[in-house]
Structures are given as structure tokens and as C-alpha cells.
Amino acid sequence: MKEERCTSCNARIFWTETVLDRVRIPLDATPVPDGRFRLDETYNPPRADYAKAGDPPGDRFNSHFVTCKKKGEK
């Protein structure tokens, strides 16, 4: 996955598809302990899936749609 920049706030992001319906979403490039998504490495390239309580430890990411400080601005 290639790191890119948000066109509104210039934050580091990467685009991926969701496991369930293959919708493209931007994820923040920096993992956080309580992130909503985890990467499913069984896909090539990896896809985003919702992190669940029983999942093994690993990197978690937030959707940049939620965290963008300047969403909707250009």
C-alpha cells in the first residue's frame, strides 16, 4: 500500500478496500491502540476489517473520514 496525503489537511493516509464490500476508504497512516480497523493480511493487498474484542494484538487504524481536521475543505 502506498502512503499518500489527505488533500484537505495534508495528513499521511493510505487507501484500502474493506473486507466486507470492497469499498475504498482512507486510513490514517499512524496506527493507534484503539483504532476501529485492522488490516487483514490474508488479502493481497491487505484489506480493512472492523477490529473486534477477541482479535489478536496488532496495529489498529482509524478512518481518516473521521479524524480529518479539515474535512470538506479544499
C-alpha atoms as a PDB file:
ATOM      1  CA  MET A   1       0.000   0.000   0.000  1.00  0.00           C
ATOM      2  CA  LYS A   2       1.282   3.394  -0.937  1.00  0.00           C
ATOM      3  CA  GLU A   3       1.248   6.223   1.567  1.00  0.00           C
ATOM      4  CA  GLU A   4      -0.439   9.380   0.334  1.00  0.00           C
ATOM      5  CA  ARG A   5      -1.516  12.742   1.750  1.00  0.00           C
ATOM      6  CA  CYS A   6      -5.028  13.987   2.509  1.00  0.00           C
ATOM      7  CA  THR A   7      -5.955  16.739   0.048  1.00  0.00           C
ATOM      8  CA  SER A   8      -7.689  18.735   2.809  1.00  0.00           C
ATOM      9  CA  CYS A   9      -5.340  18.549   5.805  1.00  0.00           C
ATOM     10  CA  ASN A  10      -2.154  17.024   4.309  1.00  0.00           C
ATOM     11  CA  ALA A  11      -2.100  14.186   6.885  1.00  0.00           C
ATOM     12  CA  ARG A  12      -0.407  10.911   5.966  1.00  0.00           C
ATOM     13  CA  ILE A  13      -3.007   8.330   4.869  1.00  0.00           C
ATOM     14  CA  PHE A  14      -3.293   5.180   2.811  1.00  0.00           C
ATOM     15  CA  TRP A  15      -6.227   3.879   0.815  1.00  0.00           C
ATOM     16  CA  THR A  16      -7.510   0.342   1.164  1.00  0.00           C
ATOM     17  CA  GLU A  17     -10.661  -1.654   0.499  1.00  0.00           C
ATOM     18  CA  THR A  18     -12.937  -3.052   3.169  1.00  0.00           C
ATOM     19  CA  VAL A  19     -13.194  -6.826   3.558  1.00  0.00           C
ATOM     20  CA  LEU A  20     -16.987  -6.912   3.570  1.00  0.00           C
ATOM     21  CA  ASP A  21     -17.946  -4.924   0.485  1.00  0.00           C
ATOM     22  CA  ARG A  22     -14.607  -3.765  -1.019  1.00  0.00           C
ATOM     23  CA  VAL A  23     -15.424  -0.064  -0.581  1.00  0.00           C
ATOM     24  CA  ARG A  24     -12.284   2.108  -0.729  1.00  0.00           C
ATOM     25  CA  ILE A  25     -11.588   4.040   2.462  1.00  0.00           C
ATOM     26  CA  PRO A  26      -8.669   6.186   3.650  1.00  0.00           C
ATOM     27  CA  LEU A  27      -6.982   5.106   6.862  1.00  0.00           C
ATOM     28  CA  ASP A  28      -4.659   7.240   8.976  1.00  0.00           C
ATOM     29  CA  ALA A  29      -1.095   6.065   8.335  1.00  0.00           C
ATOM     30  CA  THR A  30      -0.203   6.026  12.036  1.00  0.00           C
ATOM     31  CA  PRO A  31      -1.642   3.081  13.995  1.00  0.00           C
ATOM     32  CA  VAL A  32      -3.373   3.693  17.326  1.00  0.00           C
ATOM     33  CA  PRO A  33      -4.187   1.186  20.114  1.00  0.00           C
ATOM     34  CA  ASP A  34      -7.939   1.789  19.979  1.00  0.00           C
ATOM     35  CA  GLY A  35      -8.348   2.059  16.194  1.00  0.00           C
ATOM     36  CA  ARG A  36     -11.587   0.898  14.638  1.00  0.00           C
ATOM     37  CA  PHE A  37      -9.979  -1.065  11.779  1.00  0.00           C
ATOM     38  CA  ARG A  38      -7.317  -3.724  11.463  1.00  0.00           C
ATOM     39  CA  LEU A  39      -5.645  -4.904   8.276  1.00  0.00           C
ATOM     40  CA  ASP A  40      -6.480  -8.405   7.082  1.00  0.00           C
ATOM     41  CA  GLU A  41      -3.202  -9.639   5.623  1.00  0.00           C
ATOM     42  CA  THR A  42      -4.818 -12.716   4.055  1.00  0.00           C
ATOM     43  CA  TYR A  43      -5.740 -10.457   1.126  1.00  0.00           C
ATOM     44  CA  ASN A  44      -3.222  -9.065  -1.334  1.00  0.00           C
ATOM     45  CA  PRO A  45      -3.172  -6.117  -0.940  1.00  0.00           C
ATOM     46  CA  PRO A  46      -4.410  -6.147   2.679  1.00  0.00           C
ATOM     47  CA  ARG A  47      -7.992  -5.015   3.291  1.00  0.00           C
ATOM     48  CA  ALA A  48      -9.548  -3.185   6.244  1.00  0.00           C
ATOM     49  CA  ASP A  49     -11.830  -5.085   8.594  1.00  0.00           C
ATOM     50  CA  TYR A  50     -13.532  -3.953  11.788  1.00  0.00           C
ATOM     51  CA  ALA A  51     -11.406  -4.701  14.852  1.00  0.00           C
ATOM     52  CA  LYS A  52     -13.241  -6.976  17.283  1.00  0.00           C
ATOM     53  CA  ALA A  53     -12.697  -7.543  21.013  1.00  0.00           C
ATOM     54  CA  GLY A  54     -11.224 -11.045  20.602  1.00  0.00           C
ATOM     55  CA  ASP A  55      -8.819 -10.191  17.769  1.00  0.00           C
ATOM     56  CA  PRO A  56      -5.131 -10.896  18.330  1.00  0.00           C
ATOM     57  CA  PRO A  57      -2.972  -7.883  19.158  1.00  0.00           C
ATOM     58  CA  GLY A  58      -1.700  -5.825  16.271  1.00  0.00           C
ATOM     59  CA  ASP A  59      -1.871  -2.456  14.622  1.00  0.00           C
ATOM     60  CA  ARG A  60      -5.241  -0.712  14.544  1.00  0.00           C
ATOM     61  CA  PHE A  61      -6.139   2.240  12.360  1.00  0.00           C
ATOM     62  CA  ASN A  62      -8.810   4.934  12.265  1.00  0.00           C
ATOM     63  CA  SER A  63     -10.689   6.001   9.187  1.00  0.00           C
ATOM     64  CA  HIS A  64      -9.409   9.353   8.008  1.00  0.00           C
ATOM     65  CA  PHE A  65     -13.013  10.269   7.165  1.00  0.00           C
ATOM     66  CA  VAL A  66     -13.497  10.511  10.949  1.00  0.00           C
ATOM     67  CA  THR A  67     -10.198  12.103  12.011  1.00  0.00           C
ATOM     68  CA  CYS A  68      -9.620  14.711   9.268  1.00  0.00           C
ATOM     69  CA  LYS A  69      -9.344  18.129  10.881  1.00  0.00           C
ATOM     70  CA  LYS A  70     -10.433  19.946   7.699  1.00  0.00           C
ATOM     71  CA  LYS A  71     -12.903  17.518   6.154  1.00  0.00           C
ATOM     72  CA  GLY A  72     -14.938  19.098   3.417  1.00  0.00           C
ATOM     73  CA  GLU A  73     -12.481  21.963   2.918  1.00  0.00           C
ATOM     74  CA  LYS A  74     -10.133  22.284  -0.020  1.00  0.00           C
END
